[in-house]
Amino acid sequence: MNIVGILLAAGRGTRFSPNADQCKLLAPVTGTDGSRAPVAQHAARSMRAALGSVITVVGPDPGAPWGLLRELLRAQGCTVLACAPDGASGDAPAGMGASIATAVRASADADGWIIALADMPWVEPATIAALRRALQEGAPSAAPYFRGRRGHPVGFAAACGSELAVLRGDTGARALLERHPPVRIDVDDEGIVLDVDVPADLAQLPRPRGAP
């Protein structure tokens, strides 16, 4: 089955950089393998390790530092798509819903999608692979849980494609998960609930696998 990864990277990250002059996705961070690399590079590596095809959606601004982000993601083997400002939000940057719709429409023949956030660098490839298997086994949607907390990425089967393709605004796919309750996948992966929102988050490190 052709399960396509969607890595969302169109946000401006204004909490990280109020003037939007720094791109948090390019900030170096220590990954679960101990290597130092930009936030988005770790996220893309995990997706690419588990899935054959990954589409990354970025904003429309080709200038620095956003142009560097596009180059980095292409170097990781991702197909990079630009998402224009969302018509539902006027001149605002593309929302999460619009970004998802852009990627789904570009991969309409897929058997399913796993949607991840580029500011979550500590998700393990094994978690993404577990979501892929759930979709291949017939789940309409699937989500990982760490100690009772639902996290990201989330997976959707092809039957959800028509709904994903018309998303708008910044609400993402939350409503779809309510209409298509996800199969719960319990994982020993704290990375599914850790993201980079402010500079202090770069110092986070997930607990070692199997630690109490």
N, C-alpha and C. Protein backbone atom coordinates (compact mmCIF):
# COMPACT_ATOMS: atom_id res chain seq x y z
N MET A 1 0.84 -1.20 0.00
CA MET A 1 0.00 0.00 0.00
C MET A 1 0.87 1.25 0.00
N ASN A 2 0.40 2.26 -0.68
CA ASN A 2 1.12 3.52 -0.80
C ASN A 2 0.67 4.49 0.28
N ILE A 3 1.36 4.45 1.41
CA ILE A 3 1.08 5.38 2.51
C ILE A 3 2.06 6.54 2.40
N VAL A 4 1.54 7.73 2.22
CA VAL A 4 2.35 8.92 1.99
C VAL A 4 2.48 9.73 3.28
N GLY A 5 3.68 10.18 3.56
CA GLY A 5 3.90 11.05 4.70
C GLY A 5 3.68 12.50 4.33
N ILE A 6 3.06 13.25 5.23
CA ILE A 6 2.87 14.69 5.06
C ILE A 6 3.53 15.37 6.25
N LEU A 7 4.55 16.18 5.98
CA LEU A 7 5.28 16.89 7.03
C LEU A 7 4.94 18.37 6.93
N LEU A 8 4.27 18.90 7.94
CA LEU A 8 3.78 20.28 7.91
C LEU A 8 4.85 21.24 8.40
N ALA A 9 5.25 22.18 7.53
CA ALA A 9 6.34 23.09 7.87
C ALA A 9 6.05 24.51 7.39
N ALA A 10 4.76 24.87 7.33
CA ALA A 10 4.40 26.19 6.80
C ALA A 10 4.21 27.25 7.87
N GLY A 11 4.22 26.85 9.14
CA GLY A 11 4.00 27.82 10.21
C GLY A 11 5.13 28.83 10.32
N ARG A 12 4.78 30.02 10.82
CA ARG A 12 5.79 31.09 10.95
C ARG A 12 6.55 31.02 12.27
N GLY A 13 6.04 30.27 13.24
CA GLY A 13 6.76 30.11 14.51
C GLY A 13 6.95 31.42 15.25
N THR A 14 5.88 32.22 15.38
CA THR A 14 6.02 33.55 15.99
C THR A 14 6.27 33.49 17.50
N ARG A 15 5.92 32.40 18.16
CA ARG A 15 6.25 32.29 19.58
C ARG A 15 7.74 32.07 19.76
N PHE A 16 8.36 31.39 18.81
CA PHE A 16 9.80 31.16 18.85
C PHE A 16 10.55 32.43 18.47
N SER A 17 10.06 33.14 17.47
CA SER A 17 10.69 34.36 16.97
C SER A 17 9.58 35.36 16.64
N PRO A 18 9.26 36.26 17.58
CA PRO A 18 8.12 37.17 17.39
C PRO A 18 8.18 37.97 16.09
N ASN A 19 9.36 38.30 15.62
CA ASN A 19 9.49 39.05 14.38
C ASN A 19 9.59 38.14 13.15
N ALA A 20 9.49 36.84 13.38
CA ALA A 20 9.57 35.84 12.30
C ALA A 20 10.85 36.00 11.48
N ASP A 21 11.94 36.47 12.15
CA ASP A 21 13.21 36.60 11.44
C ASP A 21 14.11 35.39 11.66
N GLN A 22 13.66 34.46 12.51
CA GLN A 22 14.38 33.20 12.71
C GLN A 22 13.41 32.06 12.44
N CYS A 23 13.90 31.03 11.85
CA CYS A 23 13.07 29.85 11.56
C CYS A 23 13.41 28.76 12.57
N LYS A 24 12.46 28.45 13.44
CA LYS A 24 12.74 27.46 14.49
C LYS A 24 13.07 26.09 13.90
N LEU A 25 12.57 25.82 12.71
CA LEU A 25 12.80 24.52 12.09
C LEU A 25 14.25 24.34 11.65
N LEU A 26 15.00 25.45 11.59
CA LEU A 26 16.42 25.38 11.23
C LEU A 26 17.32 25.40 12.46
N ALA A 27 16.73 25.55 13.65
CA ALA A 27 17.53 25.59 14.87
C ALA A 27 18.11 24.21 15.18
N PRO A 28 19.38 24.12 15.54
CA PRO A 28 19.98 22.81 15.85
C PRO A 28 19.46 22.25 17.16
N VAL A 29 19.26 20.94 17.18
CA VAL A 29 18.76 20.26 18.37
C VAL A 29 19.36 18.86 18.38
N THR A 30 19.48 18.29 19.57
CA THR A 30 19.99 16.92 19.70
C THR A 30 18.85 15.94 19.51
N GLY A 31 19.02 15.03 18.57
CA GLY A 31 17.99 14.03 18.30
C GLY A 31 18.11 12.83 19.20
N THR A 32 17.19 11.89 19.04
CA THR A 32 17.20 10.69 19.88
C THR A 32 18.41 9.81 19.59
N ASP A 33 19.05 10.02 18.45
CA ASP A 33 20.26 9.25 18.13
C ASP A 33 21.53 9.94 18.61
N GLY A 34 21.36 11.09 19.27
CA GLY A 34 22.50 11.83 19.79
C GLY A 34 23.12 12.81 18.82
N SER A 35 22.65 12.85 17.59
CA SER A 35 23.23 13.77 16.60
C SER A 35 22.62 15.16 16.73
N ARG A 36 23.39 16.15 16.31
CA ARG A 36 22.92 17.54 16.27
C ARG A 36 22.55 17.89 14.84
N ALA A 37 21.35 18.37 14.64
CA ALA A 37 20.88 18.74 13.31
C ALA A 37 19.69 19.66 13.48
N PRO A 38 19.30 20.37 12.42
CA PRO A 38 18.12 21.23 12.50
C PRO A 38 16.86 20.44 12.87
N VAL A 39 15.96 21.12 13.56
CA VAL A 39 14.71 20.49 14.01
C VAL A 39 14.01 19.76 12.86
N ALA A 40 13.82 20.46 11.73
CA ALA A 40 13.10 19.87 10.60
C ALA A 40 13.84 18.69 10.00
N GLN A 41 15.16 18.69 10.07
CA GLN A 41 15.93 17.59 9.51
C GLN A 41 15.68 16.30 10.28
N HIS A 42 15.65 16.40 11.61
CA HIS A 42 15.34 15.22 12.41
C HIS A 42 13.94 14.70 12.08
N ALA A 43 12.96 15.61 11.98
CA ALA A 43 11.59 15.20 11.69
C ALA A 43 11.51 14.52 10.33
N ALA A 44 12.19 15.10 9.33
CA ALA A 44 12.15 14.53 7.99
C ALA A 44 12.84 13.17 7.94
N ARG A 45 13.95 13.03 8.65
CA ARG A 45 14.67 11.75 8.67
C ARG A 45 13.78 10.63 9.20
N SER A 46 13.04 10.90 10.27
CA SER A 46 12.18 9.87 10.85
C SER A 46 11.09 9.47 9.87
N MET A 47 10.51 10.46 9.18
CA MET A 47 9.46 10.16 8.21
C MET A 47 10.03 9.33 7.05
N ARG A 48 11.18 9.75 6.56
CA ARG A 48 11.77 9.06 5.41
C ARG A 48 12.22 7.65 5.78
N ALA A 49 12.61 7.44 7.04
CA ALA A 49 13.04 6.11 7.46
C ALA A 49 11.89 5.11 7.48
N ALA A 50 10.66 5.62 7.66
CA ALA A 50 9.50 4.74 7.80
C ALA A 50 8.62 4.69 6.57
N LEU A 51 8.71 5.70 5.70
CA LEU A 51 7.81 5.82 4.56
C LEU A 51 8.59 6.06 3.28
N GLY A 52 8.10 5.54 2.19
CA GLY A 52 8.81 5.71 0.92
C GLY A 52 8.65 7.09 0.33
N SER A 53 7.51 7.73 0.58
CA SER A 53 7.23 9.03 -0.01
C SER A 53 6.80 10.01 1.06
N VAL A 54 7.45 11.18 1.09
CA VAL A 54 7.12 12.21 2.07
C VAL A 54 6.97 13.54 1.35
N ILE A 55 5.84 14.19 1.57
CA ILE A 55 5.57 15.53 1.04
C ILE A 55 5.69 16.52 2.19
N THR A 56 6.48 17.55 1.99
CA THR A 56 6.60 18.60 2.99
C THR A 56 5.92 19.86 2.46
N VAL A 57 5.07 20.45 3.28
CA VAL A 57 4.37 21.68 2.88
C VAL A 57 4.99 22.85 3.62
N VAL A 58 5.47 23.83 2.86
CA VAL A 58 6.11 25.02 3.42
C VAL A 58 5.29 26.25 3.02
N GLY A 59 5.64 27.39 3.60
CA GLY A 59 4.97 28.63 3.26
C GLY A 59 5.42 29.15 1.90
N PRO A 60 4.76 30.20 1.40
CA PRO A 60 5.07 30.69 0.05
C PRO A 60 6.30 31.57 -0.03
N ASP A 61 6.86 32.00 1.11
CA ASP A 61 7.99 32.93 1.10
C ASP A 61 9.28 32.20 0.73
N PRO A 62 9.90 32.51 -0.42
CA PRO A 62 11.13 31.82 -0.84
C PRO A 62 12.39 32.46 -0.26
N GLY A 63 12.26 33.58 0.45
CA GLY A 63 13.44 34.28 0.95
C GLY A 63 14.03 33.62 2.19
N ALA A 64 15.19 34.15 2.61
CA ALA A 64 15.84 33.63 3.80
C ALA A 64 15.02 34.00 5.03
N PRO A 65 14.96 33.11 6.06
CA PRO A 65 15.61 31.80 6.11
C PRO A 65 14.77 30.67 5.51
N TRP A 66 13.60 31.00 4.96
CA TRP A 66 12.66 29.96 4.53
C TRP A 66 13.17 29.21 3.29
N GLY A 67 13.92 29.92 2.44
CA GLY A 67 14.50 29.23 1.30
C GLY A 67 15.48 28.16 1.73
N LEU A 68 16.21 28.43 2.80
CA LEU A 68 17.15 27.43 3.33
C LEU A 68 16.41 26.20 3.84
N LEU A 69 15.23 26.42 4.43
CA LEU A 69 14.43 25.30 4.91
C LEU A 69 14.01 24.41 3.74
N ARG A 70 13.61 25.02 2.64
CA ARG A 70 13.22 24.23 1.47
C ARG A 70 14.38 23.38 0.97
N GLU A 71 15.55 23.99 0.91
CA GLU A 71 16.73 23.24 0.45
C GLU A 71 17.04 22.07 1.37
N LEU A 72 16.95 22.31 2.66
CA LEU A 72 17.25 21.25 3.63
C LEU A 72 16.28 20.08 3.46
N LEU A 73 15.00 20.38 3.29
CA LEU A 73 14.00 19.32 3.18
C LEU A 73 14.14 18.55 1.87
N ARG A 74 14.47 19.25 0.81
CA ARG A 74 14.71 18.55 -0.46
C ARG A 74 15.92 17.61 -0.32
N ALA A 75 16.94 18.07 0.41
CA ALA A 75 18.14 17.25 0.59
C ALA A 75 17.83 15.98 1.38
N GLN A 76 16.75 15.99 2.16
CA GLN A 76 16.35 14.81 2.91
C GLN A 76 15.47 13.86 2.09
N GLY A 77 15.23 14.22 0.83
CA GLY A 77 14.44 13.37 -0.04
C GLY A 77 12.96 13.64 -0.03
N CYS A 78 12.56 14.77 0.54
CA CYS A 78 11.15 15.13 0.59
C CYS A 78 10.73 15.88 -0.68
N THR A 79 9.50 15.70 -1.09
CA THR A 79 8.90 16.55 -2.13
C THR A 79 8.38 17.80 -1.44
N VAL A 80 8.83 18.97 -1.86
CA VAL A 80 8.48 20.22 -1.19
C VAL A 80 7.40 20.95 -1.98
N LEU A 81 6.30 21.26 -1.32
CA LEU A 81 5.21 22.02 -1.92
C LEU A 81 5.01 23.31 -1.13
N ALA A 82 4.73 24.39 -1.83
CA ALA A 82 4.43 25.67 -1.18
C ALA A 82 2.92 25.82 -1.06
N CYS A 83 2.48 26.23 0.10
CA CYS A 83 1.05 26.45 0.34
C CYS A 83 0.80 27.94 0.42
N ALA A 84 -0.03 28.45 -0.47
CA ALA A 84 -0.32 29.88 -0.52
C ALA A 84 -1.14 30.28 0.70
N PRO A 85 -1.21 31.59 1.00
CA PRO A 85 -2.05 32.05 2.10
C PRO A 85 -3.46 31.49 1.98
N ASP A 86 -4.02 31.14 3.10
CA ASP A 86 -5.31 30.47 3.14
C ASP A 86 -6.44 31.45 2.84
N GLY A 87 -7.26 31.12 1.85
CA GLY A 87 -8.37 31.99 1.50
C GLY A 87 -9.33 32.22 2.64
N ALA A 88 -9.38 31.25 3.58
CA ALA A 88 -10.29 31.42 4.71
C ALA A 88 -9.75 32.43 5.70
N SER A 89 -8.50 32.81 5.58
CA SER A 89 -7.87 33.70 6.56
C SER A 89 -7.31 34.96 5.93
N GLY A 90 -7.77 35.32 4.75
CA GLY A 90 -7.29 36.54 4.11
C GLY A 90 -5.83 36.45 3.75
N ASP A 91 -5.04 37.38 4.27
CA ASP A 91 -3.62 37.41 3.96
C ASP A 91 -2.77 36.65 4.98
N ALA A 92 -3.42 35.94 5.90
CA ALA A 92 -2.67 35.20 6.92
C ALA A 92 -1.90 34.05 6.28
N PRO A 93 -0.80 33.63 6.90
CA PRO A 93 -0.07 32.47 6.38
C PRO A 93 -0.97 31.25 6.29
N ALA A 94 -0.60 30.33 5.45
CA ALA A 94 -1.39 29.12 5.28
C ALA A 94 -1.58 28.40 6.61
N GLY A 95 -2.81 28.04 6.92
CA GLY A 95 -3.09 27.32 8.15
C GLY A 95 -2.80 25.84 7.99
N MET A 96 -2.90 25.12 9.11
CA MET A 96 -2.60 23.69 9.09
C MET A 96 -3.58 22.95 8.17
N GLY A 97 -4.85 23.34 8.23
CA GLY A 97 -5.83 22.68 7.38
C GLY A 97 -5.53 22.85 5.91
N ALA A 98 -5.19 24.07 5.51
CA ALA A 98 -4.87 24.33 4.11
C ALA A 98 -3.62 23.58 3.69
N SER A 99 -2.65 23.46 4.58
CA SER A 99 -1.42 22.73 4.26
C SER A 99 -1.71 21.25 4.03
N ILE A 100 -2.54 20.67 4.91
CA ILE A 100 -2.89 19.26 4.74
C ILE A 100 -3.60 19.06 3.41
N ALA A 101 -4.55 19.94 3.11
CA ALA A 101 -5.31 19.81 1.86
C ALA A 101 -4.39 19.89 0.64
N THR A 102 -3.41 20.78 0.69
CA THR A 102 -2.47 20.92 -0.42
C THR A 102 -1.74 19.60 -0.69
N ALA A 103 -1.25 18.96 0.37
CA ALA A 103 -0.51 17.72 0.21
C ALA A 103 -1.40 16.56 -0.22
N VAL A 104 -2.60 16.49 0.33
CA VAL A 104 -3.51 15.39 -0.03
C VAL A 104 -3.94 15.50 -1.48
N ARG A 105 -4.23 16.71 -1.93
CA ARG A 105 -4.63 16.87 -3.33
C ARG A 105 -3.48 16.50 -4.27
N ALA A 106 -2.25 16.71 -3.82
CA ALA A 106 -1.09 16.38 -4.66
C ALA A 106 -0.77 14.89 -4.66
N SER A 107 -1.41 14.13 -3.79
CA SER A 107 -1.14 12.69 -3.69
C SER A 107 -2.47 11.94 -3.61
N ALA A 108 -3.39 12.33 -4.47
CA ALA A 108 -4.76 11.81 -4.39
C ALA A 108 -4.87 10.31 -4.61
N ASP A 109 -3.84 9.70 -5.21
CA ASP A 109 -3.89 8.26 -5.47
C ASP A 109 -3.32 7.44 -4.31
N ALA A 110 -2.97 8.09 -3.22
CA ALA A 110 -2.39 7.37 -2.07
C ALA A 110 -3.45 6.50 -1.40
N ASP A 111 -2.98 5.46 -0.71
CA ASP A 111 -3.86 4.59 0.06
C ASP A 111 -4.04 5.09 1.49
N GLY A 112 -3.34 6.15 1.83
CA GLY A 112 -3.46 6.72 3.15
C GLY A 112 -2.34 7.73 3.37
N TRP A 113 -2.45 8.47 4.48
CA TRP A 113 -1.48 9.53 4.77
C TRP A 113 -1.14 9.50 6.26
N ILE A 114 0.09 9.79 6.56
CA ILE A 114 0.51 10.01 7.95
C ILE A 114 0.97 11.45 8.04
N ILE A 115 0.29 12.21 8.88
CA ILE A 115 0.49 13.65 8.96
C ILE A 115 1.30 13.98 10.21
N ALA A 116 2.46 14.60 10.01
CA ALA A 116 3.38 14.92 11.09
C ALA A 116 3.70 16.40 11.10
N LEU A 117 4.23 16.87 12.22
CA LEU A 117 4.60 18.28 12.39
C LEU A 117 6.12 18.40 12.36
N ALA A 118 6.61 19.34 11.56
CA ALA A 118 8.06 19.48 11.40
C ALA A 118 8.75 20.02 12.64
N ASP A 119 7.98 20.53 13.61
CA ASP A 119 8.61 21.03 14.84
C ASP A 119 8.62 19.97 15.95
N MET A 120 8.46 18.69 15.56
CA MET A 120 8.53 17.59 16.52
C MET A 120 9.68 16.67 16.12
N PRO A 121 10.91 17.00 16.54
CA PRO A 121 12.10 16.29 16.04
C PRO A 121 12.40 14.97 16.73
N TRP A 122 11.63 14.60 17.76
CA TRP A 122 12.00 13.42 18.55
C TRP A 122 11.08 12.21 18.32
N VAL A 123 10.19 12.29 17.35
CA VAL A 123 9.34 11.13 17.05
C VAL A 123 10.20 10.04 16.42
N GLU A 124 10.05 8.82 16.90
CA GLU A 124 10.87 7.71 16.42
C GLU A 124 10.27 7.10 15.15
N PRO A 125 11.12 6.66 14.22
CA PRO A 125 10.61 6.00 13.02
C PRO A 125 9.71 4.82 13.32
N ALA A 126 9.97 4.10 14.41
CA ALA A 126 9.16 2.93 14.75
C ALA A 126 7.71 3.32 15.01
N THR A 127 7.49 4.51 15.56
CA THR A 127 6.13 4.97 15.80
C THR A 127 5.41 5.22 14.48
N ILE A 128 6.11 5.85 13.55
CA ILE A 128 5.52 6.11 12.23
C ILE A 128 5.22 4.79 11.51
N ALA A 129 6.13 3.83 11.64
CA ALA A 129 5.92 2.52 11.03
C ALA A 129 4.70 1.82 11.63
N ALA A 130 4.48 2.00 12.93
CA ALA A 130 3.32 1.38 13.58
C ALA A 130 2.01 1.99 13.05
N LEU A 131 2.01 3.29 12.81
CA LEU A 131 0.83 3.93 12.22
C LEU A 131 0.59 3.42 10.81
N ARG A 132 1.67 3.26 10.06
CA ARG A 132 1.56 2.73 8.69
C ARG A 132 0.93 1.34 8.70
N ARG A 133 1.38 0.51 9.61
CA ARG A 133 0.84 -0.86 9.68
C ARG A 133 -0.65 -0.84 10.02
N ALA A 134 -1.05 0.05 10.92
CA ALA A 134 -2.46 0.13 11.30
C ALA A 134 -3.32 0.49 10.09
N LEU A 135 -2.86 1.43 9.27
CA LEU A 135 -3.62 1.80 8.07
C LEU A 135 -3.64 0.64 7.08
N GLN A 136 -2.53 -0.05 6.93
CA GLN A 136 -2.46 -1.19 6.02
C GLN A 136 -3.39 -2.32 6.47
N GLU A 137 -3.65 -2.39 7.77
CA GLU A 137 -4.52 -3.44 8.31
C GLU A 137 -5.99 -3.02 8.34
N GLY A 138 -6.29 -1.83 7.81
CA GLY A 138 -7.69 -1.44 7.66
C GLY A 138 -8.21 -0.36 8.59
N ALA A 139 -7.36 0.23 9.43
CA ALA A 139 -7.83 1.28 10.31
C ALA A 139 -8.24 2.52 9.50
N PRO A 140 -9.39 3.16 9.80
CA PRO A 140 -9.76 4.39 9.10
C PRO A 140 -8.86 5.55 9.49
N SER A 141 -8.40 5.53 10.73
CA SER A 141 -7.42 6.50 11.21
C SER A 141 -6.69 5.86 12.38
N ALA A 142 -5.54 6.43 12.73
CA ALA A 142 -4.74 5.86 13.81
C ALA A 142 -3.94 6.97 14.47
N ALA A 143 -3.72 6.82 15.77
CA ALA A 143 -2.97 7.83 16.51
C ALA A 143 -2.14 7.16 17.59
N PRO A 144 -0.95 7.68 17.86
CA PRO A 144 -0.10 7.10 18.92
C PRO A 144 -0.43 7.71 20.28
N TYR A 145 -0.24 6.91 21.31
CA TYR A 145 -0.46 7.36 22.69
C TYR A 145 0.78 7.04 23.51
N PHE A 146 1.17 8.01 24.33
CA PHE A 146 2.28 7.82 25.26
C PHE A 146 1.76 8.04 26.67
N ARG A 147 1.70 6.97 27.46
CA ARG A 147 1.22 7.04 28.84
C ARG A 147 -0.14 7.73 28.92
N GLY A 148 -1.02 7.36 28.01
CA GLY A 148 -2.38 7.86 28.02
C GLY A 148 -2.60 9.17 27.29
N ARG A 149 -1.54 9.79 26.80
CA ARG A 149 -1.67 11.06 26.07
C ARG A 149 -1.58 10.82 24.57
N ARG A 150 -2.57 11.32 23.86
CA ARG A 150 -2.52 11.19 22.40
C ARG A 150 -1.53 12.19 21.84
N GLY A 151 -0.76 11.76 20.84
CA GLY A 151 0.24 12.65 20.27
C GLY A 151 0.21 12.65 18.76
N HIS A 152 1.31 13.02 18.17
CA HIS A 152 1.48 13.09 16.71
C HIS A 152 2.66 12.20 16.32
N PRO A 153 2.63 11.71 15.07
CA PRO A 153 1.75 12.00 13.94
C PRO A 153 0.41 11.25 14.07
N VAL A 154 -0.48 11.52 13.11
CA VAL A 154 -1.73 10.78 13.01
C VAL A 154 -1.85 10.25 11.59
N GLY A 155 -2.56 9.14 11.45
CA GLY A 155 -2.71 8.52 10.14
C GLY A 155 -4.15 8.48 9.70
N PHE A 156 -4.38 8.60 8.40
CA PHE A 156 -5.73 8.53 7.82
C PHE A 156 -5.71 7.64 6.59
N ALA A 157 -6.74 6.80 6.46
CA ALA A 157 -6.88 5.95 5.29
C ALA A 157 -7.43 6.75 4.12
N ALA A 158 -7.37 6.13 2.93
CA ALA A 158 -7.82 6.81 1.71
C ALA A 158 -9.28 7.24 1.79
N ALA A 159 -10.10 6.52 2.57
CA ALA A 159 -11.52 6.86 2.70
C ALA A 159 -11.72 8.27 3.27
N CYS A 160 -10.71 8.79 3.96
CA CYS A 160 -10.79 10.14 4.54
C CYS A 160 -10.26 11.20 3.59
N GLY A 161 -9.78 10.77 2.42
CA GLY A 161 -9.11 11.70 1.52
C GLY A 161 -9.97 12.87 1.07
N SER A 162 -11.24 12.63 0.75
CA SER A 162 -12.09 13.72 0.27
C SER A 162 -12.30 14.78 1.33
N GLU A 163 -12.34 14.37 2.59
CA GLU A 163 -12.50 15.34 3.68
C GLU A 163 -11.20 16.09 3.95
N LEU A 164 -10.09 15.37 3.88
CA LEU A 164 -8.80 16.03 4.09
C LEU A 164 -8.51 17.06 3.00
N ALA A 165 -8.93 16.78 1.77
CA ALA A 165 -8.60 17.63 0.63
C ALA A 165 -9.32 18.96 0.63
N VAL A 166 -10.31 19.13 1.49
CA VAL A 166 -11.05 20.40 1.51
C VAL A 166 -10.88 21.14 2.84
N LEU A 167 -9.92 20.71 3.66
CA LEU A 167 -9.66 21.41 4.91
C LEU A 167 -9.20 22.84 4.64
N ARG A 168 -9.56 23.74 5.54
CA ARG A 168 -9.12 25.13 5.44
C ARG A 168 -8.80 25.63 6.83
N GLY A 169 -8.25 26.83 6.89
CA GLY A 169 -7.97 27.43 8.19
C GLY A 169 -6.86 26.72 8.93
N ASP A 170 -6.88 26.86 10.25
CA ASP A 170 -5.78 26.35 11.06
C ASP A 170 -6.23 25.28 12.05
N THR A 171 -7.38 24.66 11.80
CA THR A 171 -7.90 23.68 12.75
C THR A 171 -7.34 22.29 12.52
N GLY A 172 -6.65 22.07 11.41
CA GLY A 172 -6.07 20.76 11.16
C GLY A 172 -7.14 19.70 10.96
N ALA A 173 -6.83 18.49 11.37
CA ALA A 173 -7.72 17.36 11.12
C ALA A 173 -8.43 16.89 12.39
N ARG A 174 -8.50 17.75 13.39
CA ARG A 174 -9.10 17.35 14.67
C ARG A 174 -10.54 16.87 14.49
N ALA A 175 -11.32 17.61 13.69
CA ALA A 175 -12.72 17.22 13.50
C ALA A 175 -12.84 15.87 12.81
N LEU A 176 -11.90 15.55 11.92
CA LEU A 176 -11.93 14.25 11.25
C LEU A 176 -11.70 13.12 12.25
N LEU A 177 -10.82 13.35 13.20
CA LEU A 177 -10.56 12.32 14.21
C LEU A 177 -11.79 12.09 15.08
N GLU A 178 -12.61 13.13 15.23
CA GLU A 178 -13.85 12.95 15.98
C GLU A 178 -14.86 12.15 15.17
N ARG A 179 -14.89 12.39 13.86
CA ARG A 179 -15.83 11.65 13.00
C ARG A 179 -15.33 10.23 12.70
N HIS A 180 -14.01 10.07 12.68
CA HIS A 180 -13.40 8.76 12.41
C HIS A 180 -12.45 8.43 13.56
N PRO A 181 -12.98 7.97 14.69
CA PRO A 181 -12.14 7.73 15.87
C PRO A 181 -10.92 6.88 15.54
N PRO A 182 -9.75 7.33 15.96
CA PRO A 182 -8.52 6.61 15.58
C PRO A 182 -8.30 5.34 16.38
N VAL A 183 -7.71 4.37 15.70
CA VAL A 183 -7.20 3.20 16.40
C VAL A 183 -6.07 3.67 17.32
N ARG A 184 -6.13 3.27 18.56
CA ARG A 184 -5.12 3.69 19.54
C ARG A 184 -3.90 2.79 19.45
N ILE A 185 -2.72 3.42 19.32
CA ILE A 185 -1.47 2.68 19.28
C ILE A 185 -0.60 3.17 20.43
N ASP A 186 -0.43 2.34 21.44
CA ASP A 186 0.40 2.72 22.59
C ASP A 186 1.87 2.52 22.24
N VAL A 187 2.66 3.56 22.46
CA VAL A 187 4.08 3.53 22.11
C VAL A 187 4.92 4.01 23.28
N ASP A 188 6.13 3.52 23.34
CA ASP A 188 7.09 3.97 24.35
C ASP A 188 7.97 5.04 23.71
N ASP A 189 7.33 6.14 23.33
CA ASP A 189 7.99 7.18 22.54
C ASP A 189 7.50 8.54 23.01
N GLU A 190 8.24 9.14 23.94
CA GLU A 190 7.82 10.44 24.47
C GLU A 190 7.86 11.53 23.40
N GLY A 191 8.60 11.29 22.31
CA GLY A 191 8.70 12.29 21.27
C GLY A 191 7.38 12.67 20.64
N ILE A 192 6.35 11.82 20.78
CA ILE A 192 5.06 12.13 20.17
C ILE A 192 4.32 13.26 20.88
N VAL A 193 4.79 13.65 22.07
CA VAL A 193 4.13 14.72 22.81
C VAL A 193 5.07 15.90 23.07
N LEU A 194 6.24 15.92 22.42
CA LEU A 194 7.21 17.00 22.61
C LEU A 194 7.40 17.76 21.31
N ASP A 195 7.26 19.10 21.38
CA ASP A 195 7.50 19.91 20.20
C ASP A 195 8.40 21.08 20.57
N VAL A 196 8.82 21.82 19.56
CA VAL A 196 9.64 23.03 19.75
C VAL A 196 8.74 24.23 19.49
N ASP A 197 8.39 24.91 20.55
CA ASP A 197 7.49 26.06 20.45
C ASP A 197 8.21 27.36 20.76
N VAL A 198 9.09 27.32 21.78
CA VAL A 198 9.89 28.48 22.19
C VAL A 198 11.34 28.03 22.27
N PRO A 199 12.31 28.97 22.27
CA PRO A 199 13.72 28.58 22.28
C PRO A 199 14.10 27.61 23.39
N ALA A 200 13.50 27.74 24.57
CA ALA A 200 13.86 26.85 25.68
C ALA A 200 13.55 25.40 25.37
N ASP A 201 12.61 25.14 24.45
CA ASP A 201 12.25 23.77 24.12
C ASP A 201 13.37 23.02 23.42
N LEU A 202 14.33 23.74 22.87
CA LEU A 202 15.43 23.09 22.17
C LEU A 202 16.28 22.25 23.11
N ALA A 203 16.21 22.54 24.40
CA ALA A 203 17.01 21.82 25.39
C ALA A 203 16.35 20.53 25.84
N GLN A 204 15.11 20.28 25.38
CA GLN A 204 14.41 19.06 25.80
C GLN A 204 15.12 17.81 25.26
N LEU A 205 15.00 16.76 26.00
CA LEU A 205 15.44 15.44 25.54
C LEU A 205 14.41 14.42 26.02
N PRO A 206 13.90 13.58 25.15
CA PRO A 206 12.95 12.57 25.60
C PRO A 206 13.59 11.62 26.60
N ARG A 207 12.78 11.05 27.46
CA ARG A 207 13.25 10.04 28.39
C ARG A 207 13.73 8.84 27.59
N PRO A 208 14.76 8.13 28.05
CA PRO A 208 15.23 6.95 27.34
C PRO A 208 14.14 5.90 27.22
N ARG A 209 14.12 5.20 26.10
CA ARG A 209 13.13 4.15 25.89
C ARG A 209 13.19 3.14 27.04
N GLY A 210 12.02 2.84 27.57
CA GLY A 210 11.93 1.85 28.64
C GLY A 210 12.15 2.41 30.03
N ALA A 211 12.48 3.70 30.15
CA ALA A 211 12.72 4.28 31.47
C ALA A 211 11.38 4.45 32.19
N PRO A 212 11.35 4.32 33.52
CA PRO A 212 10.09 4.45 34.25
C PRO A 212 9.60 5.88 34.26
